[in-house]
Amino acid sequence: RATDVMHIVNEETREPAVIPVESVLASGEIHGLANHTVLIARDGTERPIADSAAPIRDRRGTVIGVVLVFRDVTDERRAQLEIELINASLEQRVRERTAELEQSSRALRDSEERFRQLAEQSSEGFWFVEVNPTRVLYVSPAIERIWGQPAERFYRDSGTWFTAIQPDDQPRVHAALEAVIQGQSPRFETEYRVARSDGSTRWVWESGIPIRNEAGDIVRLCGVVRDITEKKQSEGQLLRAQRLESIGTLASGVAHDLNNMLAPIMMSAELIRLEFPDKASTYLDMIQGGAQRGADLVKQLLTFAKGGAEGEFLPLGCASGM
C-alpha cells in the first residue's frame, strides 16, 4: 500500500493523510492531496508537499495503475510566510498611520475650533487670502463689522476689501501689498480709511505676512486688522488741544504787550483832561474809548489764554474810532 511506503500526515492535526490511490483507480480521475500535508522522510525530516494522483491507462483506456507526483513546496511556503509577514507588517503600519492621521485630524479640528472661537470673540479681524489667482479664503466676524459687509461678499468678490478703501489711501496700501507679494518685504503694516456703505468712515490698522509653499513660492497672505477710529479721534482732539494751548500762550504774550502799550495812553489821556478840561474833550473821549476797547480785548485774550470762558465778549468797533 502507498501508506506503507510514504509517511504523509496532516501538518495541523498530525493524522495520516489519505492518499487517493483507490479513488483514482475507481473513478479514473485525477485527485490531489488535502492542503497542509507533510512528507516525513526516514530520517524524520519533514517537507511540506503538494501532490496529485493520476490514472495510468492501457491502449484500451482501462485504468491499470496510478502515478503519484510529489512537489516540495518548502520554498513556496517560506515565500508565502514572508509575504504574510510583510502584509501583516504593512497592515500594522497602516493602522498606526491611520491612528496618527486621525489624531492629527482631531488636533487640527480642535485647533480650528479654538481659532474660530478666538476670531469670533476678538475685536480684531483675521483674514487669509490666496494669491495667483486672488481668492479670499477666510474673514472673521470683526472684518464684517468694520467693513459693514457680510463675509459672503468677500468670498464672492475678492475686490470688496480694496474698493472700500478711500481712494487717497489706495496707492499706498497697494504698494505695501505688492512689496510683500514680490518678495521685497517680509511683511506689511499700514493705516488707511475704510468707506462703509452707510456713509461712515473707519480708520484701520492692518498687518500681514506671506505664507510660502515647499518650493518657497508665496501662495497665501494672512493678516490682522484693527479698528483704530477712536484712537485717531483721540489723537485729533489731542492735536487740537495742543494747538489751542499754543495759541493761548501766544495770546497771553500779545495781551500783556498790548496792556503795556495801552496803560500809558489811558493815563496820558486822563492827565490831559485834568490839565485842559475844556479843550479837546471830543478827541480825548475818542482816545479813551479806543484805549478802553483795547483793554477789553486784552481781558478777552487773557481769559482765552487761561482756558476760561467767563466774561462777556464785546464788539470793539475799532474802525469807528480811527
Protein backbone atom coordinates (compact mmCIF):
# COMPACT_ATOMS: atom_id res chain seq x y z
CA ARG A 1 0.00 0.00 0.00
CA ALA A 2 1.08 3.64 -0.60
CA THR A 3 0.86 4.44 3.10
CA ASP A 4 3.34 1.64 3.85
CA VAL A 5 5.90 3.30 1.55
CA MET A 6 5.22 7.03 2.20
CA HIS A 7 4.59 8.61 5.58
CA ILE A 8 2.35 11.57 4.85
CA VAL A 9 0.46 13.37 7.60
CA ASN A 10 -1.71 16.47 8.01
CA GLU A 11 0.52 19.31 9.15
CA GLU A 12 -2.01 20.66 11.62
CA THR A 13 -3.66 17.50 13.05
CA ARG A 14 -0.67 15.14 12.55
CA GLU A 15 -3.16 12.48 11.40
CA PRO A 16 -2.14 10.28 8.43
CA ALA A 17 -3.19 11.89 5.18
CA VAL A 18 -5.40 9.97 2.81
CA ILE A 19 -3.56 9.13 -0.42
CA PRO A 20 -6.30 8.89 -3.07
CA VAL A 21 -4.97 5.85 -4.98
CA GLU A 22 -8.18 3.87 -4.56
CA SER A 23 -10.26 6.91 -5.56
CA VAL A 24 -8.27 7.32 -8.77
CA LEU A 25 -8.50 3.60 -9.61
CA ALA A 26 -12.25 3.67 -9.02
CA SER A 27 -13.08 6.94 -10.80
CA GLY A 28 -10.31 7.20 -13.33
CA GLU A 29 -9.93 10.89 -12.49
CA ILE A 30 -7.06 12.97 -11.14
CA HIS A 31 -7.13 13.64 -7.40
CA GLY A 32 -4.92 15.77 -5.15
CA LEU A 33 -3.95 15.60 -1.51
CA ALA A 34 -5.59 17.82 1.08
CA ASN A 35 -3.91 21.09 1.95
CA HIS A 36 -1.22 21.31 4.64
CA THR A 37 0.25 17.87 4.07
CA VAL A 38 3.77 16.94 5.18
CA LEU A 39 6.02 14.15 3.92
CA ILE A 40 8.12 12.65 6.70
CA ALA A 41 11.36 11.05 5.46
CA ARG A 42 13.03 8.01 7.05
CA ASP A 43 15.41 10.30 8.96
CA GLY A 44 12.46 12.25 10.40
CA THR A 45 12.87 15.29 8.13
CA GLU A 46 9.57 16.93 7.29
CA ARG A 47 8.85 18.62 3.99
CA PRO A 48 5.59 20.35 3.06
CA ILE A 49 4.39 18.89 -0.22
CA ALA A 50 1.78 19.31 -2.87
CA ASP A 51 0.92 16.21 -4.84
CA SER A 52 -1.61 14.67 -7.14
CA ALA A 53 -2.60 11.17 -8.22
CA ALA A 54 -3.42 10.46 -11.87
CA PRO A 55 -4.64 7.23 -13.53
CA ILE A 56 -2.45 5.12 -15.84
CA ARG A 57 -4.39 3.64 -18.78
CA ASP A 58 -3.57 0.95 -21.30
CA ARG A 59 -4.29 1.15 -25.01
CA ARG A 60 -7.90 0.29 -24.47
CA GLY A 61 -8.25 3.08 -21.85
CA THR A 62 -8.54 0.75 -18.95
CA VAL A 63 -7.05 2.04 -15.71
CA ILE A 64 -4.20 -0.25 -14.82
CA GLY A 65 -2.37 1.87 -12.23
CA VAL A 66 -1.84 5.22 -10.57
CA VAL A 67 1.05 7.67 -10.82
CA LEU A 68 1.77 9.86 -7.78
CA VAL A 69 3.50 13.22 -8.30
CA PHE A 70 5.03 14.97 -5.26
CA ARG A 71 6.36 18.53 -5.27
CA ASP A 72 8.41 20.02 -2.44
CA VAL A 73 6.78 23.38 -1.60
CA THR A 74 9.17 24.36 1.20
CA ASP A 75 10.43 27.44 -0.71
CA GLU A 76 6.91 28.39 -1.72
CA ARG A 77 5.70 28.06 1.86
CA ARG A 78 8.65 30.14 3.10
CA ALA A 79 7.97 32.82 0.47
CA GLN A 80 4.26 32.73 1.32
CA LEU A 81 5.08 33.11 5.01
CA GLU A 82 7.34 36.08 4.26
CA ILE A 83 4.58 37.65 2.20
CA GLU A 84 2.11 37.11 5.03
CA LEU A 85 4.55 38.66 7.50
CA ILE A 86 5.12 41.63 5.19
CA ASN A 87 1.38 42.05 4.70
CA ALA A 88 0.82 41.88 8.45
CA SER A 89 3.57 44.46 8.99
CA LEU A 90 2.08 46.72 6.32
CA GLU A 91 -1.39 46.35 7.81
CA GLN A 92 0.02 47.26 11.24
CA ARG A 93 1.78 50.30 9.79
CA VAL A 94 -1.42 51.33 8.01
CA ARG A 95 -3.37 51.02 11.27
CA GLU A 96 -0.74 53.04 13.13
CA ARG A 97 -0.59 55.68 10.39
CA THR A 98 -4.38 55.85 10.28
CA ALA A 99 -4.45 56.36 14.04
CA GLU A 100 -1.81 59.12 13.72
CA LEU A 101 -3.80 60.83 10.96
CA GLU A 102 -6.99 60.59 13.00
CA GLN A 103 -5.18 62.08 15.99
CA SER A 104 -3.71 64.84 13.81
CA SER A 105 -7.12 65.45 12.30
CA ARG A 106 -8.69 65.76 15.75
CA ALA A 107 -5.90 68.09 16.83
CA LEU A 108 -6.42 70.17 13.68
CA ARG A 109 -10.17 70.33 14.26
CA ASP A 110 -9.58 71.33 17.88
CA SER A 111 -7.10 73.99 16.77
CA GLU A 112 -9.52 75.30 14.14
CA GLU A 113 -12.30 75.41 16.71
CA ARG A 114 -10.13 77.35 19.16
CA PHE A 115 -9.13 79.77 16.39
CA ARG A 116 -12.77 80.16 15.34
CA GLN A 117 -13.82 80.95 18.92
CA LEU A 118 -10.93 83.41 19.27
CA ALA A 119 -11.73 85.07 15.94
CA GLU A 120 -15.45 85.36 16.72
CA GLN A 121 -14.84 86.91 20.14
CA SER A 122 -11.92 89.16 19.17
CA SER A 123 -12.36 92.81 18.28
CA GLU A 124 -9.52 92.38 15.78
CA GLY A 125 -10.20 90.92 12.37
CA PHE A 126 -8.32 87.96 10.87
CA TRP A 127 -8.08 87.09 7.18
CA PHE A 128 -6.47 84.60 4.77
CA VAL A 129 -6.12 85.28 1.05
CA GLU A 130 -4.84 83.04 -1.74
CA VAL A 131 -2.73 84.68 -4.46
CA ASN A 132 -2.44 83.87 -8.17
CA PRO A 133 -5.38 83.93 -8.57
CA THR A 134 -6.59 86.12 -5.74
CA ARG A 135 -9.24 84.40 -3.64
CA VAL A 136 -10.46 85.20 -0.14
CA LEU A 137 -10.27 82.05 1.99
CA TYR A 138 -11.43 83.43 5.35
CA VAL A 139 -12.56 86.66 7.01
CA SER A 140 -13.52 86.83 10.67
CA PRO A 141 -16.70 88.47 12.04
CA ALA A 142 -14.73 91.55 13.15
CA ILE A 143 -13.95 92.36 9.50
CA GLU A 144 -17.64 92.10 8.70
CA ARG A 145 -18.34 94.63 11.46
CA ILE A 146 -15.56 97.03 10.42
CA TRP A 147 -16.35 96.99 6.70
CA GLY A 148 -20.10 96.73 7.21
CA GLN A 149 -20.21 93.89 4.67
CA PRO A 150 -21.17 90.20 5.10
CA ALA A 151 -18.41 87.58 4.74
CA GLU A 152 -20.13 86.12 1.67
CA ARG A 153 -19.49 89.39 -0.15
CA PHE A 154 -15.73 88.99 0.34
CA TYR A 155 -15.80 85.33 -0.74
CA ARG A 156 -17.83 86.16 -3.83
CA ASP A 157 -15.81 89.23 -4.81
CA SER A 158 -12.22 89.46 -3.57
CA GLY A 159 -12.12 93.13 -4.64
CA THR A 160 -14.64 94.11 -1.95
CA TRP A 161 -11.83 94.70 0.54
CA PHE A 162 -9.74 97.02 -1.67
CA THR A 163 -12.55 99.01 -3.30
CA ALA A 164 -13.81 100.05 0.14
CA ILE A 165 -10.51 101.79 0.90
CA GLN A 166 -10.56 105.57 0.49
CA PRO A 167 -9.17 106.44 -2.99
CA ASP A 168 -6.45 108.65 -1.48
CA ASP A 169 -5.16 105.70 0.56
CA GLN A 170 -5.38 103.01 -2.15
CA PRO A 171 -1.99 103.66 -3.86
CA ARG A 172 -0.13 103.45 -0.56
CA VAL A 173 -1.88 100.23 0.50
CA HIS A 174 -1.39 98.67 -2.93
CA ALA A 175 2.34 99.45 -2.87
CA ALA A 176 2.74 97.85 0.58
CA LEU A 177 0.96 94.68 -0.56
CA GLU A 178 2.91 94.39 -3.81
CA ALA A 179 6.21 94.71 -1.93
CA VAL A 180 5.29 91.61 0.10
CA ILE A 181 3.90 89.60 -2.85
CA GLN A 182 7.03 90.32 -4.91
CA GLY A 183 9.24 89.22 -2.01
CA GLN A 184 10.69 92.68 -1.48
CA SER A 185 9.43 92.93 2.10
CA PRO A 186 8.84 90.23 4.76
CA ARG A 187 5.63 91.87 5.97
CA PHE A 188 3.44 94.93 5.53
CA GLU A 189 1.93 97.28 8.06
CA THR A 190 -0.20 100.28 7.18
CA GLU A 191 -3.09 102.51 8.24
CA TYR A 192 -5.92 103.58 5.99
CA ARG A 193 -9.56 104.63 5.89
CA VAL A 194 -12.49 102.38 5.01
CA ALA A 195 -15.60 103.91 3.43
CA ARG A 196 -18.61 101.94 4.68
CA SER A 197 -21.83 101.50 2.75
CA ASP A 198 -23.72 103.53 5.40
CA GLY A 199 -21.59 106.59 4.56
CA SER A 200 -19.40 106.47 7.67
CA THR A 201 -15.61 106.15 7.60
CA ARG A 202 -13.48 103.93 9.81
CA TRP A 203 -9.74 104.14 10.36
CA VAL A 204 -7.98 100.75 10.43
CA TRP A 205 -4.51 99.44 11.15
CA GLU A 206 -3.52 96.34 9.20
CA SER A 207 -0.54 93.99 9.27
CA GLY A 208 0.13 90.88 7.20
CA ILE A 209 2.77 88.30 6.25
CA PRO A 210 3.22 85.88 3.32
CA ILE A 211 2.81 82.08 3.50
CA ARG A 212 5.13 80.06 1.25
CA ASN A 213 4.91 76.51 -0.12
CA GLU A 214 7.67 73.89 -0.01
CA ALA A 215 9.27 75.43 -3.10
CA GLY A 216 9.47 78.81 -1.38
CA ASP A 217 6.82 80.46 -3.54
CA ILE A 218 4.30 82.81 -1.92
CA VAL A 219 0.89 81.17 -2.19
CA ARG A 220 -1.10 82.94 0.52
CA LEU A 221 -1.24 86.05 2.66
CA CYS A 222 -2.62 86.27 6.17
CA GLY A 223 -3.10 89.24 8.40
CA VAL A 224 -4.89 91.06 11.17
CA VAL A 225 -6.99 94.25 11.07
CA ARG A 226 -7.78 96.57 13.97
CA ASP A 227 -10.31 99.40 14.11
CA ILE A 228 -8.39 102.49 15.30
CA THR A 229 -11.10 105.07 14.63
CA GLU A 230 -11.39 106.09 18.31
CA LYS A 231 -7.61 106.29 18.59
CA LYS A 232 -7.48 108.61 15.57
CA GLN A 233 -10.26 110.75 17.02
CA SER A 234 -8.40 110.99 20.34
CA GLU A 235 -5.22 111.92 18.52
CA GLY A 236 -7.11 114.64 16.63
CA GLN A 237 -8.59 116.01 19.84
CA LEU A 238 -5.16 116.00 21.46
CA LEU A 239 -3.67 117.81 18.48
CA ARG A 240 -6.40 120.44 18.60
CA ALA A 241 -5.82 120.87 22.32
CA GLN A 242 -2.10 121.32 21.73
CA ARG A 243 -2.80 123.89 19.03
CA LEU A 244 -5.18 125.75 21.31
CA GLU A 245 -2.57 125.68 24.05
CA SER A 246 -0.01 127.17 21.69
CA ILE A 247 -2.47 129.84 20.60
CA GLY A 248 -3.29 130.56 24.24
CA THR A 249 0.40 131.05 25.05
CA LEU A 250 0.73 133.43 22.11
CA ALA A 251 -2.46 135.28 23.09
CA SER A 252 -1.19 135.72 26.64
CA GLY A 253 2.03 137.28 25.39
CA VAL A 254 0.18 139.58 22.99
CA ALA A 255 -2.28 140.63 25.72
CA HIS A 256 0.48 141.62 28.11
CA ASP A 257 2.22 143.59 25.37
CA LEU A 258 -0.99 145.38 24.46
CA ASN A 259 -1.70 146.10 28.10
CA ASN A 260 1.72 147.66 28.49
CA MET A 261 1.09 149.84 25.44
CA LEU A 262 -2.45 150.89 26.43
CA ALA A 263 -1.68 151.83 30.04
CA PRO A 264 0.40 154.97 29.17
CA ILE A 265 -2.19 156.06 26.61
CA MET A 266 -5.08 155.88 29.08
CA MET A 267 -3.10 157.59 31.85
CA SER A 268 -1.93 160.35 29.47
CA ALA A 269 -5.46 160.97 28.22
CA GLU A 270 -6.75 161.30 31.76
CA LEU A 271 -3.94 163.71 32.72
CA ILE A 272 -4.62 165.89 29.66
CA ARG A 273 -8.32 166.01 30.56
CA LEU A 274 -7.44 167.16 34.07
CA GLU A 275 -4.96 169.73 32.78
CA PHE A 276 -7.16 171.10 29.99
CA PRO A 277 -10.75 170.25 30.92
CA ASP A 278 -12.37 172.47 28.28
CA LYS A 279 -10.14 171.74 25.38
CA ALA A 280 -10.01 168.71 23.03
CA SER A 281 -12.59 166.79 25.09
CA THR A 282 -14.01 165.14 21.96
CA TYR A 283 -10.62 163.83 20.88
CA LEU A 284 -9.85 162.71 24.40
CA ASP A 285 -13.12 160.78 24.51
CA MET A 286 -12.13 159.05 21.28
CA ILE A 287 -8.68 158.24 22.68
CA GLN A 288 -10.05 156.94 25.95
CA GLY A 289 -12.83 154.98 24.19
CA GLY A 290 -10.34 153.30 21.87
CA ALA A 291 -7.99 152.57 24.75
CA GLN A 292 -10.84 151.08 26.79
CA ARG A 293 -11.88 148.82 23.92
CA GLY A 294 -8.23 147.76 23.65
CA ALA A 295 -8.27 146.99 27.38
CA ASP A 296 -11.42 144.90 26.95
CA LEU A 297 -9.67 142.99 24.13
CA VAL A 298 -6.72 142.37 26.44
CA LYS A 299 -9.08 140.91 29.06
CA GLN A 300 -10.64 138.59 26.49
CA LEU A 301 -7.21 137.46 25.30
CA LEU A 302 -6.14 136.76 28.88
CA THR A 303 -9.35 134.83 29.55
CA PHE A 304 -8.75 132.73 26.44
CA ALA A 305 -5.08 132.19 27.33
CA LYS A 306 -6.12 130.82 30.74
CA GLY A 307 -8.61 128.44 29.11
CA GLY A 308 -11.65 130.14 30.61
CA ALA A 309 -14.86 131.35 29.02
CA GLU A 310 -16.11 133.74 31.63
CA GLY A 311 -16.92 137.34 30.85
CA GLU A 312 -18.81 138.98 28.06
CA PHE A 313 -17.22 139.28 24.61
CA LEU A 314 -17.99 142.82 23.36
CA PRO A 315 -17.82 144.17 19.80
CA LEU A 316 -14.86 146.52 19.68
CA GLY A 317 -15.80 148.68 16.73
CA CYS A 318 -12.20 149.73 16.16
CA ALA A 319 -12.93 151.12 12.72
CA SER A 320 -15.27 153.78 14.10
CA GLY A 321 -12.57 155.05 16.42
CA MET A 322 -9.98 155.62 13.77
